[in-house]
Amino acid sequence: MLNNPTKLLFLSTLMGGTMITISSNSWFSAWMGLEINLLSFIPLMTNSSNILSTEASLKYFLVQALASTSLLFSIILMHLSSDMSILMNNNLFLTLISSTLLLKMGAAPFHFWFPGTMEGLNWINCLILMTWQKIAPLMLLSYVIKMSMFTAMIIMSSIIIGSLGGLNQTSLRKLMAYSSINHLGWMIAAMISGENLWELYFFIYSFLSASLIFLFTSSQIMYMNQGFLMMNKTPMMKFCLFSLLLSLGGLPPFLGFLPKWLIIQSMTELNMIFITTMMVIFTLITLFFYLRLCFSAFLMSYTELKWINFMKYNSLTMMTATTLTMISTMGLIVCTILFNVF
């Protein structure tokens, strides 16, 4: 991507669109930033050698155009009103704006387009779609969100669909998509507690996703059974891959548990006991299918095909993978020590 000047141009405008949205002080300029961001991502998605990317980019464009239209419609209605303070406190308008932003980021129950779009993209585009493309809608959502029945439904449905949707997946891209929907539920719950909490969650989630996608790209893995077959000659890479998967699931000794721990604590303090309990239960289902993959990968003896032997990892890839896994494994312990010391 970085060797291609056209892609580099679109990547810079993609980032510029997000920056316009999060730094704007009016809804119109925020909408304009979202449009620039959308129109920059479409050319990055298309790939002439992959027939699925055309379908994915068309699906992405149609859904995002619908969400942008609805957002613009809501903003115009808001500006036409004479008393904006009454309108901003009107739950109907808050729900309408929240719905369009949730559709943009792919949170349940507006997630119908997300796994299918992910399936047609390469790993770098998947990473952009899972992390960078969510920054602007999440930031705008944090301006209007308040605890209501609608918000509780969104949190619950995102966590339930994200957990149950990944149970029968063999495609890693769809697994990462459902994992992203699950994490969105946690981020929206964190927004109710405060600005810093969801930003910390998003930062750690982005780090773990980028680490996993670095390993998937360097190993050229797209499906689960490839992970079992390909890494027997390099058990260190296999260990790194599945440790990062467990960290993304939020298993306690790993870094991925830290933001979940903070959210559980802050939501308990706000007396949201039922939602917190349900979030923990369904996250355990996510952990179940991650652990199921890890047990079968670590404990069973797999035969490695002869034609896979040509794949050798260079020392830089091995070192980077090991460093990322060390940060993921030791992150929670280091953070708690630093918290107790300072």
Protein backbone atom coordinates (compact mmCIF):
# COMPACT_ATOMS: atom_id res chain seq x y z
CA MET A 1 0.00 0.00 0.00
CA LEU A 2 2.78 2.46 0.92
CA ASN A 3 4.54 1.89 -2.44
CA ASN A 4 1.48 3.10 -4.33
CA PRO A 5 1.15 6.93 -4.43
CA THR A 6 -2.60 6.78 -5.18
CA LYS A 7 -3.24 4.57 -2.14
CA LEU A 8 -1.02 6.84 -0.05
CA LEU A 9 -3.10 9.86 -1.13
CA PHE A 10 -6.37 8.12 -0.20
CA LEU A 11 -4.88 6.96 3.12
CA SER A 12 -3.95 10.55 4.00
CA THR A 13 -7.44 11.88 3.08
CA LEU A 14 -8.98 8.98 5.04
CA MET A 15 -7.09 10.14 8.14
CA GLY A 16 -7.85 13.79 7.33
CA GLY A 17 -11.61 13.06 7.18
CA THR A 18 -11.52 11.50 10.65
CA MET A 19 -9.52 14.44 12.00
CA ILE A 20 -12.07 16.92 10.55
CA THR A 21 -14.90 15.01 12.25
CA ILE A 22 -13.36 14.75 15.71
CA SER A 23 -12.14 18.36 15.74
CA SER A 24 -15.29 19.98 14.29
CA ASN A 25 -17.58 22.17 16.39
CA SER A 26 -20.73 21.75 14.29
CA TRP A 27 -22.68 18.73 13.09
CA PHE A 28 -22.40 19.78 9.43
CA SER A 29 -18.60 19.81 9.46
CA ALA A 30 -18.64 16.49 11.34
CA TRP A 31 -20.86 15.02 8.59
CA MET A 32 -18.50 16.43 5.93
CA GLY A 33 -15.51 14.74 7.62
CA LEU A 34 -17.39 11.42 7.65
CA GLU A 35 -18.10 11.75 3.91
CA ILE A 36 -14.44 12.49 3.09
CA ASN A 37 -13.47 9.49 5.20
CA LEU A 38 -15.98 7.22 3.40
CA LEU A 39 -14.99 8.31 -0.13
CA SER A 40 -11.30 7.79 0.71
CA PHE A 41 -11.80 4.26 2.01
CA ILE A 42 -13.71 2.93 -1.04
CA PRO A 43 -10.65 3.09 -3.41
CA LEU A 44 -8.48 1.48 -0.72
CA MET A 45 -10.92 -1.46 -0.53
CA THR A 46 -11.10 -2.23 -4.24
CA ASN A 47 -8.63 -4.75 -5.60
CA SER A 48 -8.77 -5.93 -9.21
CA SER A 49 -7.26 -9.35 -8.34
CA ASN A 50 -9.89 -10.08 -5.66
CA ILE A 51 -13.44 -10.38 -6.93
CA LEU A 52 -14.92 -10.32 -3.41
CA SER A 53 -13.47 -6.85 -2.68
CA THR A 54 -15.76 -5.25 -5.30
CA GLU A 55 -18.83 -6.72 -3.61
CA ALA A 56 -17.51 -5.68 -0.18
CA SER A 57 -16.80 -2.10 -1.28
CA LEU A 58 -20.26 -1.77 -2.90
CA LYS A 59 -21.95 -3.13 0.23
CA TYR A 60 -19.89 -0.80 2.43
CA PHE A 61 -20.67 2.22 0.23
CA LEU A 62 -24.45 1.62 0.17
CA VAL A 63 -24.71 1.13 3.94
CA GLN A 64 -22.49 4.13 4.75
CA ALA A 65 -24.37 6.32 2.24
CA LEU A 66 -27.67 5.36 3.91
CA ALA A 67 -26.23 6.17 7.36
CA SER A 68 -24.79 9.50 6.14
CA THR A 69 -28.13 10.47 4.56
CA SER A 70 -29.99 9.68 7.77
CA LEU A 71 -27.43 11.65 9.80
CA LEU A 72 -27.72 14.67 7.49
CA PHE A 73 -31.53 14.44 7.66
CA SER A 74 -31.36 14.44 11.49
CA ILE A 75 -28.93 17.39 11.54
CA ILE A 76 -31.09 19.48 9.15
CA LEU A 77 -34.19 18.80 11.25
CA MET A 78 -32.24 19.82 14.32
CA HIS A 79 -31.07 23.09 12.75
CA LEU A 80 -34.54 23.93 11.44
CA SER A 81 -35.90 23.91 14.96
CA SER A 82 -36.08 27.31 16.64
CA ASP A 83 -35.25 26.06 20.14
CA MET A 84 -32.22 23.81 19.86
CA SER A 85 -31.92 23.17 23.57
CA ILE A 86 -35.34 21.51 23.61
CA LEU A 87 -34.41 19.49 20.54
CA MET A 88 -31.09 18.25 21.92
CA ASN A 89 -32.94 16.96 24.98
CA ASN A 90 -35.51 15.29 22.77
CA ASN A 91 -34.91 11.53 23.06
CA LEU A 92 -36.27 10.88 19.57
CA PHE A 93 -33.53 12.97 17.94
CA LEU A 94 -30.83 11.54 20.19
CA THR A 95 -31.97 8.03 19.26
CA LEU A 96 -32.04 8.91 15.54
CA ILE A 97 -28.50 10.36 15.56
CA SER A 98 -27.21 7.47 17.71
CA SER A 99 -28.75 4.92 15.31
CA THR A 100 -27.04 6.41 12.26
CA LEU A 101 -23.67 6.44 14.05
CA LEU A 102 -24.16 2.86 15.26
CA LEU A 103 -24.96 1.82 11.67
CA LYS A 104 -21.75 3.54 10.52
CA MET A 105 -19.57 1.63 12.96
CA GLY A 106 -21.38 -1.72 12.61
CA ALA A 107 -22.73 -2.19 16.15
CA ALA A 108 -25.58 -4.67 16.63
CA PRO A 109 -28.41 -4.74 15.66
CA PHE A 110 -27.11 -2.62 12.74
CA HIS A 111 -24.25 -5.09 12.13
CA PHE A 112 -25.77 -6.95 9.13
CA TRP A 113 -23.20 -5.56 6.66
CA PHE A 114 -20.07 -5.86 8.80
CA PRO A 115 -19.01 -9.57 8.72
CA GLY A 116 -19.79 -9.86 4.98
CA THR A 117 -17.74 -6.76 4.17
CA MET A 118 -14.81 -7.99 6.28
CA GLU A 119 -14.82 -11.32 4.42
CA GLY A 120 -14.06 -9.60 1.11
CA LEU A 121 -11.08 -7.50 2.30
CA ASN A 122 -7.40 -8.14 2.82
CA TRP A 123 -5.96 -7.97 6.35
CA ILE A 124 -4.72 -4.35 6.20
CA ASN A 125 -8.15 -3.10 5.10
CA CYS A 126 -9.75 -5.25 7.80
CA LEU A 127 -7.56 -3.52 10.38
CA ILE A 128 -8.54 -0.05 9.08
CA LEU A 129 -12.24 -1.04 9.12
CA MET A 130 -12.04 -2.46 12.66
CA THR A 131 -10.05 0.37 14.24
CA TRP A 132 -9.61 3.68 12.37
CA GLN A 133 -13.07 3.72 10.76
CA LYS A 134 -14.70 3.49 14.19
CA ILE A 135 -12.93 6.53 15.73
CA ALA A 136 -15.15 9.27 14.20
CA PRO A 137 -18.56 7.59 14.82
CA LEU A 138 -17.54 6.63 18.37
CA MET A 139 -16.40 10.18 19.13
CA LEU A 140 -19.67 11.65 17.80
CA LEU A 141 -21.68 9.03 19.71
CA SER A 142 -19.93 10.00 22.96
CA TYR A 143 -21.35 13.54 22.56
CA VAL A 144 -24.99 12.43 22.48
CA ILE A 145 -25.10 9.19 24.46
CA LYS A 146 -27.02 8.92 27.71
CA MET A 147 -28.20 5.89 29.64
CA SER A 148 -31.64 4.82 28.42
CA MET A 149 -33.50 1.68 27.42
CA PHE A 150 -32.25 2.16 23.84
CA THR A 151 -28.58 2.33 24.95
CA ALA A 152 -29.01 -0.72 27.19
CA MET A 153 -30.52 -2.65 24.25
CA ILE A 154 -27.61 -1.69 21.98
CA ILE A 155 -25.02 -2.78 24.58
CA MET A 156 -26.80 -6.09 25.21
CA SER A 157 -27.43 -6.92 21.54
CA SER A 158 -23.82 -6.07 20.54
CA ILE A 159 -22.39 -8.34 23.21
CA ILE A 160 -24.85 -11.20 22.58
CA ILE A 161 -24.48 -11.15 18.76
CA GLY A 162 -20.70 -10.66 19.00
CA SER A 163 -20.43 -13.70 21.28
CA LEU A 164 -22.85 -16.10 19.59
CA GLY A 165 -21.93 -15.08 16.02
CA GLY A 166 -18.32 -16.17 16.44
CA LEU A 167 -19.16 -19.65 17.79
CA ASN A 168 -19.41 -21.48 14.46
CA GLN A 169 -16.94 -19.42 12.39
CA THR A 170 -13.93 -20.96 10.65
CA SER A 171 -13.00 -17.79 8.75
CA LEU A 172 -10.64 -15.61 10.79
CA ARG A 173 -11.92 -12.42 9.17
CA LYS A 174 -15.51 -13.16 10.26
CA LEU A 175 -14.24 -14.17 13.70
CA MET A 176 -12.47 -10.81 14.02
CA ALA A 177 -15.64 -9.04 12.79
CA TYR A 178 -17.82 -10.64 15.48
CA SER A 179 -15.10 -9.96 18.04
CA SER A 180 -15.20 -6.29 16.97
CA ILE A 181 -19.01 -6.18 17.45
CA ASN A 182 -18.57 -7.65 20.94
CA HIS A 183 -15.90 -5.07 21.84
CA LEU A 184 -18.15 -2.27 20.52
CA GLY A 185 -20.72 -3.26 23.14
CA TRP A 186 -18.07 -2.84 25.85
CA MET A 187 -16.96 0.52 24.41
CA ILE A 188 -20.52 1.88 24.37
CA ALA A 189 -20.92 0.73 27.99
CA ALA A 190 -17.64 2.49 28.83
CA MET A 191 -18.96 5.74 27.29
CA ILE A 192 -21.64 5.95 29.97
CA SER A 193 -18.94 5.85 32.65
CA GLY A 194 -16.74 8.51 31.06
CA GLU A 195 -14.63 9.69 28.13
CA ASN A 196 -11.27 8.32 29.31
CA LEU A 197 -12.51 4.78 29.82
CA TRP A 198 -13.73 4.08 26.28
CA GLU A 199 -10.64 5.76 24.81
CA LEU A 200 -8.38 3.47 26.87
CA TYR A 201 -10.45 0.46 25.80
CA PHE A 202 -10.26 1.50 22.15
CA PHE A 203 -6.48 2.02 22.35
CA ILE A 204 -5.85 -1.43 23.88
CA TYR A 205 -8.30 -3.10 21.46
CA SER A 206 -6.57 -1.42 18.49
CA PHE A 207 -3.14 -2.53 19.74
CA LEU A 208 -4.23 -6.16 20.15
CA SER A 209 -6.03 -6.19 16.76
CA ALA A 210 -2.98 -4.70 15.01
CA SER A 211 -0.70 -7.30 16.68
CA LEU A 212 -2.94 -10.17 15.57
CA ILE A 213 -3.26 -8.85 12.03
CA PHE A 214 0.53 -8.45 11.82
CA LEU A 215 0.79 -12.19 12.55
CA PHE A 216 -2.02 -13.12 10.15
CA THR A 217 -0.41 -11.07 7.36
CA SER A 218 3.11 -12.42 7.90
CA SER A 219 1.76 -16.01 8.01
CA GLN A 220 -0.78 -15.49 5.19
CA ILE A 221 -3.51 -17.14 7.27
CA MET A 222 -7.19 -16.62 6.43
CA TYR A 223 -8.86 -19.66 8.05
CA MET A 224 -8.54 -21.43 11.38
CA ASN A 225 -7.25 -24.76 10.09
CA GLN A 226 -4.32 -22.96 8.42
CA GLY A 227 -3.19 -21.81 11.86
CA PHE A 228 -3.16 -25.43 13.04
CA LEU A 229 -1.26 -26.71 10.02
CA MET A 230 1.24 -23.98 9.24
CA MET A 231 3.04 -23.12 12.45
CA ASN A 232 4.28 -26.47 13.71
CA LYS A 233 7.84 -25.72 12.56
CA THR A 234 7.77 -22.42 14.48
CA PRO A 235 6.02 -23.09 17.82
CA MET A 236 7.00 -19.62 19.06
CA MET A 237 4.84 -17.98 16.38
CA LYS A 238 1.99 -20.34 17.24
CA PHE A 239 2.30 -19.40 20.91
CA CYS A 240 2.33 -15.67 20.03
CA LEU A 241 -0.77 -15.98 17.81
CA PHE A 242 -2.94 -17.82 20.32
CA SER A 243 -1.73 -15.77 23.31
CA LEU A 244 -2.81 -12.61 21.47
CA LEU A 245 -6.18 -14.23 20.66
CA LEU A 246 -6.72 -14.99 24.35
CA SER A 247 -5.71 -11.44 25.25
CA LEU A 248 -8.25 -10.06 22.76
CA GLY A 249 -10.88 -12.26 24.42
CA GLY A 250 -10.04 -10.70 27.79
CA LEU A 251 -8.51 -13.59 29.76
CA PRO A 252 -7.35 -12.20 33.15
CA PRO A 253 -3.53 -12.53 33.11
CA PHE A 254 -3.38 -10.65 29.78
CA LEU A 255 -3.57 -6.96 28.87
CA GLY A 256 -7.01 -7.34 27.24
CA PHE A 257 -8.54 -7.89 30.69
CA LEU A 258 -7.45 -4.46 32.01
CA PRO A 259 -10.11 -2.26 30.27
CA LYS A 260 -12.83 -4.87 30.96
CA TRP A 261 -11.86 -4.84 34.63
CA LEU A 262 -12.12 -1.04 34.78
CA ILE A 263 -15.50 -1.04 32.99
CA ILE A 264 -16.92 -3.72 35.32
CA GLN A 265 -15.77 -1.68 38.32
CA SER A 266 -17.18 1.65 37.07
CA MET A 267 -20.51 0.12 35.99
CA THR A 268 -20.89 -1.61 39.37
CA GLU A 269 -20.35 1.76 41.05
CA LEU A 270 -23.17 3.18 38.85
CA ASN A 271 -25.45 0.32 40.06
CA MET A 272 -25.81 -1.24 36.58
CA ILE A 273 -25.56 -4.73 38.06
CA PHE A 274 -27.81 -6.59 35.58
CA ILE A 275 -26.13 -5.24 32.41
CA THR A 276 -22.65 -5.86 33.90
CA THR A 277 -23.56 -9.46 34.77
CA MET A 278 -24.90 -10.13 31.27
CA MET A 279 -21.80 -8.56 29.68
CA VAL A 280 -19.50 -10.80 31.74
CA ILE A 281 -21.54 -13.96 30.98
CA PHE A 282 -21.54 -13.40 27.21
CA THR A 283 -17.87 -12.45 27.18
CA LEU A 284 -17.22 -15.85 28.78
CA ILE A 285 -18.84 -17.41 25.68
CA THR A 286 -16.35 -15.47 23.51
CA LEU A 287 -13.54 -16.75 25.70
CA PHE A 288 -14.92 -20.28 25.36
CA PHE A 289 -14.45 -20.37 21.58
CA TYR A 290 -11.02 -18.73 21.80
CA LEU A 291 -9.95 -21.33 24.39
CA ARG A 292 -11.41 -24.12 22.25
CA LEU A 293 -9.20 -23.00 19.36
CA CYS A 294 -6.13 -22.67 21.57
CA PHE A 295 -6.52 -26.08 23.21
CA SER A 296 -6.89 -27.83 19.87
CA ALA A 297 -3.88 -25.92 18.46
CA PHE A 298 -1.57 -26.48 21.44
CA LEU A 299 -2.49 -29.96 22.64
CA MET A 300 -3.15 -31.93 19.46
CA SER A 301 -0.46 -33.28 17.18
CA TYR A 302 -0.93 -31.94 13.67
CA THR A 303 0.72 -33.15 10.49
CA GLU A 304 2.35 -30.40 8.48
CA LEU A 305 2.06 -30.53 4.70
CA LYS A 306 5.31 -30.64 2.70
CA TRP A 307 4.43 -27.65 0.49
CA ILE A 308 4.05 -25.43 3.56
CA ASN A 309 7.70 -25.91 4.56
CA PHE A 310 8.92 -23.18 2.21
CA MET A 311 7.45 -20.58 4.58
CA LYS A 312 10.22 -19.25 6.81
CA TYR A 313 9.87 -16.31 9.18
CA ASN A 314 12.74 -13.85 9.24
CA SER A 315 14.27 -12.77 12.54
CA LEU A 316 12.62 -9.30 12.45
CA THR A 317 9.13 -10.84 12.16
CA MET A 318 9.87 -13.26 15.01
CA MET A 319 11.27 -10.48 17.20
CA THR A 320 8.30 -8.16 16.52
CA ALA A 321 5.78 -10.95 17.23
CA THR A 322 7.56 -11.86 20.48
CA THR A 323 7.71 -8.20 21.62
CA LEU A 324 3.99 -7.63 20.91
CA THR A 325 3.08 -10.84 22.77
CA MET A 326 5.27 -9.84 25.74
CA ILE A 327 3.47 -6.46 25.97
CA SER A 328 0.12 -8.25 25.75
CA THR A 329 1.08 -10.88 28.35
CA MET A 330 2.82 -8.64 30.89
CA GLY A 331 0.77 -5.46 30.33
CA LEU A 332 -1.79 -6.06 33.08
CA ILE A 333 0.87 -6.94 35.67
CA VAL A 334 3.00 -3.88 34.79
CA CYS A 335 -0.06 -1.55 34.90
CA THR A 336 -1.14 -2.82 38.33
CA ILE A 337 2.41 -2.51 39.71
CA LEU A 338 2.70 1.06 38.36
CA PHE A 339 -0.71 1.92 39.83
CA ASN A 340 0.30 0.63 43.27
CA VAL A 341 3.71 2.36 43.17
CA PHE A 342 2.50 5.77 41.99
